[in-house]
Amino acid sequence: MSETPSVQKKMIRIKYVRSGICAIEKHKRVLRGLGLRRLNQVVERVDTEAVRGMVKTIPYLVRILD
């Protein structure tokens, strides 16, 4: 039984910068899907196409850090 070396996954830091109160309902669900709940909150997610697509959907609400 061989052990596989732990591969570090690339992470992306996302900051919630603008209120989603007036955003359409689909965009509010994307915010929740990313785990963003409070303004100025920063979350780290694995850098995948799905996460990048979610961020691309709501560029006026979030910023990518680093």
N, C-alpha and C. Protein backbone atom coordinates (compact mmCIF):
# COMPACT_ATOMS: atom_id res chain seq x y z
N MET A 1 0.84 -1.17 0.00
CA MET A 1 0.00 0.00 0.00
C MET A 1 0.90 1.25 0.00
N SER A 2 0.83 2.01 -1.04
CA SER A 2 1.68 3.19 -1.14
C SER A 2 0.88 4.45 -0.79
N GLU A 3 1.58 5.36 -0.18
CA GLU A 3 0.93 6.62 0.18
C GLU A 3 1.19 7.64 -0.90
N THR A 4 0.17 8.38 -1.25
CA THR A 4 0.35 9.44 -2.25
C THR A 4 0.78 10.71 -1.53
N PRO A 5 1.72 11.43 -2.10
CA PRO A 5 2.14 12.68 -1.45
C PRO A 5 1.00 13.69 -1.46
N SER A 6 0.91 14.45 -0.39
CA SER A 6 -0.16 15.45 -0.33
C SER A 6 0.16 16.58 -1.30
N VAL A 7 -0.76 16.78 -2.20
CA VAL A 7 -0.61 17.82 -3.21
C VAL A 7 -1.36 19.05 -2.72
N GLN A 8 -0.66 20.18 -2.67
CA GLN A 8 -1.31 21.40 -2.22
C GLN A 8 -2.17 21.95 -3.34
N LYS A 9 -3.42 22.18 -3.01
CA LYS A 9 -4.35 22.73 -3.99
C LYS A 9 -4.24 24.25 -3.99
N LYS A 10 -4.33 24.83 -5.16
CA LYS A 10 -4.26 26.27 -5.27
C LYS A 10 -5.54 26.87 -4.70
N MET A 11 -5.36 27.89 -3.87
CA MET A 11 -6.50 28.53 -3.21
C MET A 11 -6.71 29.92 -3.78
N ILE A 12 -7.94 30.39 -3.68
CA ILE A 12 -8.30 31.72 -4.12
C ILE A 12 -8.99 32.43 -2.96
N ARG A 13 -8.61 33.68 -2.69
CA ARG A 13 -9.22 34.46 -1.61
C ARG A 13 -10.23 35.42 -2.22
N ILE A 14 -11.45 35.40 -1.70
CA ILE A 14 -12.54 36.21 -2.23
C ILE A 14 -13.06 37.11 -1.12
N LYS A 15 -13.23 38.41 -1.42
CA LYS A 15 -13.73 39.36 -0.44
C LYS A 15 -15.08 39.90 -0.90
N TYR A 16 -16.03 39.94 0.02
CA TYR A 16 -17.37 40.45 -0.21
C TYR A 16 -17.31 41.97 0.00
N VAL A 17 -17.44 42.77 -1.08
CA VAL A 17 -17.19 44.21 -0.98
C VAL A 17 -18.42 45.09 -1.16
N ARG A 18 -19.51 44.56 -1.68
CA ARG A 18 -20.69 45.39 -1.89
C ARG A 18 -21.94 44.61 -1.51
N SER A 19 -22.88 45.30 -0.90
CA SER A 19 -24.08 44.64 -0.41
C SER A 19 -24.88 44.01 -1.53
N GLY A 20 -25.43 42.85 -1.25
CA GLY A 20 -26.25 42.13 -2.23
C GLY A 20 -27.73 42.34 -2.03
N ILE A 21 -28.11 43.34 -1.25
CA ILE A 21 -29.52 43.57 -0.95
C ILE A 21 -30.35 43.79 -2.23
N CYS A 22 -29.87 44.60 -3.13
CA CYS A 22 -30.62 44.91 -4.35
C CYS A 22 -30.23 43.99 -5.51
N ALA A 23 -29.39 43.02 -5.27
CA ALA A 23 -28.99 42.09 -6.33
C ALA A 23 -30.15 41.15 -6.65
N ILE A 24 -30.11 40.59 -7.85
CA ILE A 24 -31.16 39.64 -8.20
C ILE A 24 -30.99 38.36 -7.38
N GLU A 25 -32.06 37.62 -7.24
CA GLU A 25 -32.08 36.46 -6.35
C GLU A 25 -31.01 35.42 -6.69
N LYS A 26 -30.76 35.22 -7.96
CA LYS A 26 -29.74 34.24 -8.38
C LYS A 26 -28.36 34.65 -7.87
N HIS A 27 -28.06 35.93 -7.90
CA HIS A 27 -26.77 36.42 -7.43
C HIS A 27 -26.65 36.28 -5.91
N LYS A 28 -27.75 36.46 -5.21
CA LYS A 28 -27.74 36.26 -3.75
C LYS A 28 -27.43 34.80 -3.42
N ARG A 29 -27.97 33.88 -4.23
CA ARG A 29 -27.71 32.46 -4.01
C ARG A 29 -26.25 32.11 -4.31
N VAL A 30 -25.66 32.79 -5.28
CA VAL A 30 -24.24 32.57 -5.58
C VAL A 30 -23.38 33.03 -4.40
N LEU A 31 -23.73 34.18 -3.80
CA LEU A 31 -23.01 34.67 -2.62
C LEU A 31 -23.04 33.63 -1.51
N ARG A 32 -24.21 33.09 -1.24
CA ARG A 32 -24.35 32.08 -0.19
C ARG A 32 -23.57 30.82 -0.55
N GLY A 33 -23.58 30.46 -1.82
CA GLY A 33 -22.85 29.29 -2.27
C GLY A 33 -21.35 29.41 -2.07
N LEU A 34 -20.85 30.64 -2.17
CA LEU A 34 -19.43 30.88 -1.92
C LEU A 34 -19.12 30.96 -0.44
N GLY A 35 -20.17 31.02 0.39
CA GLY A 35 -19.97 31.09 1.84
C GLY A 35 -19.84 32.51 2.36
N LEU A 36 -20.26 33.48 1.56
CA LEU A 36 -20.16 34.88 1.97
C LEU A 36 -21.47 35.32 2.61
N ARG A 37 -21.37 35.83 3.83
CA ARG A 37 -22.56 36.25 4.57
C ARG A 37 -22.49 37.69 5.04
N ARG A 38 -21.30 38.16 5.41
CA ARG A 38 -21.15 39.52 5.95
C ARG A 38 -20.28 40.36 5.03
N LEU A 39 -20.59 41.63 4.94
CA LEU A 39 -19.80 42.56 4.15
C LEU A 39 -18.37 42.60 4.66
N ASN A 40 -17.42 42.71 3.77
CA ASN A 40 -15.98 42.71 4.04
C ASN A 40 -15.45 41.37 4.54
N GLN A 41 -16.23 40.33 4.45
CA GLN A 41 -15.78 38.99 4.83
C GLN A 41 -14.87 38.44 3.74
N VAL A 42 -13.82 37.74 4.14
CA VAL A 42 -12.89 37.10 3.20
C VAL A 42 -12.96 35.60 3.40
N VAL A 43 -13.13 34.85 2.30
CA VAL A 43 -13.15 33.40 2.37
C VAL A 43 -12.09 32.85 1.41
N GLU A 44 -11.59 31.66 1.71
CA GLU A 44 -10.64 30.97 0.83
C GLU A 44 -11.35 29.76 0.26
N ARG A 45 -11.29 29.63 -1.03
CA ARG A 45 -11.88 28.49 -1.72
C ARG A 45 -10.83 27.87 -2.64
N VAL A 46 -11.00 26.60 -2.95
CA VAL A 46 -10.11 25.94 -3.89
C VAL A 46 -10.34 26.56 -5.27
N ASP A 47 -9.27 26.87 -5.96
CA ASP A 47 -9.35 27.55 -7.25
C ASP A 47 -9.75 26.55 -8.34
N THR A 48 -11.05 26.43 -8.57
CA THR A 48 -11.58 25.55 -9.60
C THR A 48 -12.37 26.37 -10.60
N GLU A 49 -12.72 25.74 -11.70
CA GLU A 49 -13.52 26.43 -12.71
C GLU A 49 -14.89 26.82 -12.16
N ALA A 50 -15.45 25.99 -11.31
CA ALA A 50 -16.77 26.27 -10.75
C ALA A 50 -16.74 27.53 -9.89
N VAL A 51 -15.72 27.64 -9.04
CA VAL A 51 -15.60 28.82 -8.17
C VAL A 51 -15.33 30.06 -9.01
N ARG A 52 -14.44 29.93 -9.99
CA ARG A 52 -14.15 31.07 -10.88
C ARG A 52 -15.41 31.52 -11.61
N GLY A 53 -16.25 30.58 -12.02
CA GLY A 53 -17.50 30.92 -12.69
C GLY A 53 -18.46 31.65 -11.77
N MET A 54 -18.50 31.23 -10.51
CA MET A 54 -19.37 31.90 -9.55
C MET A 54 -18.91 33.35 -9.33
N VAL A 55 -17.59 33.53 -9.21
CA VAL A 55 -17.05 34.88 -9.02
C VAL A 55 -17.32 35.73 -10.26
N LYS A 56 -17.21 35.13 -11.42
CA LYS A 56 -17.44 35.86 -12.67
C LYS A 56 -18.90 36.30 -12.80
N THR A 57 -19.81 35.57 -12.16
CA THR A 57 -21.22 35.91 -12.20
C THR A 57 -21.53 37.17 -11.40
N ILE A 58 -20.76 37.41 -10.33
CA ILE A 58 -21.05 38.55 -9.44
C ILE A 58 -19.84 39.46 -9.25
N PRO A 59 -19.24 39.95 -10.32
CA PRO A 59 -18.02 40.76 -10.16
C PRO A 59 -18.26 42.09 -9.47
N TYR A 60 -19.49 42.58 -9.48
CA TYR A 60 -19.80 43.85 -8.84
C TYR A 60 -20.00 43.72 -7.33
N LEU A 61 -20.01 42.49 -6.82
CA LEU A 61 -20.21 42.26 -5.39
C LEU A 61 -18.95 41.77 -4.67
N VAL A 62 -18.02 41.17 -5.41
CA VAL A 62 -16.85 40.57 -4.78
C VAL A 62 -15.57 41.00 -5.48
N ARG A 63 -14.44 40.80 -4.79
CA ARG A 63 -13.11 41.05 -5.35
C ARG A 63 -12.24 39.84 -5.06
N ILE A 64 -11.32 39.54 -5.97
CA ILE A 64 -10.34 38.49 -5.74
C ILE A 64 -9.11 39.15 -5.16
N LEU A 65 -8.63 38.65 -4.03
CA LEU A 65 -7.44 39.19 -3.38
C LEU A 65 -6.23 38.39 -3.81
N ASP A 66 -5.06 39.03 -3.79
CA ASP A 66 -3.77 38.41 -4.14
C ASP A 66 -3.68 38.08 -5.58
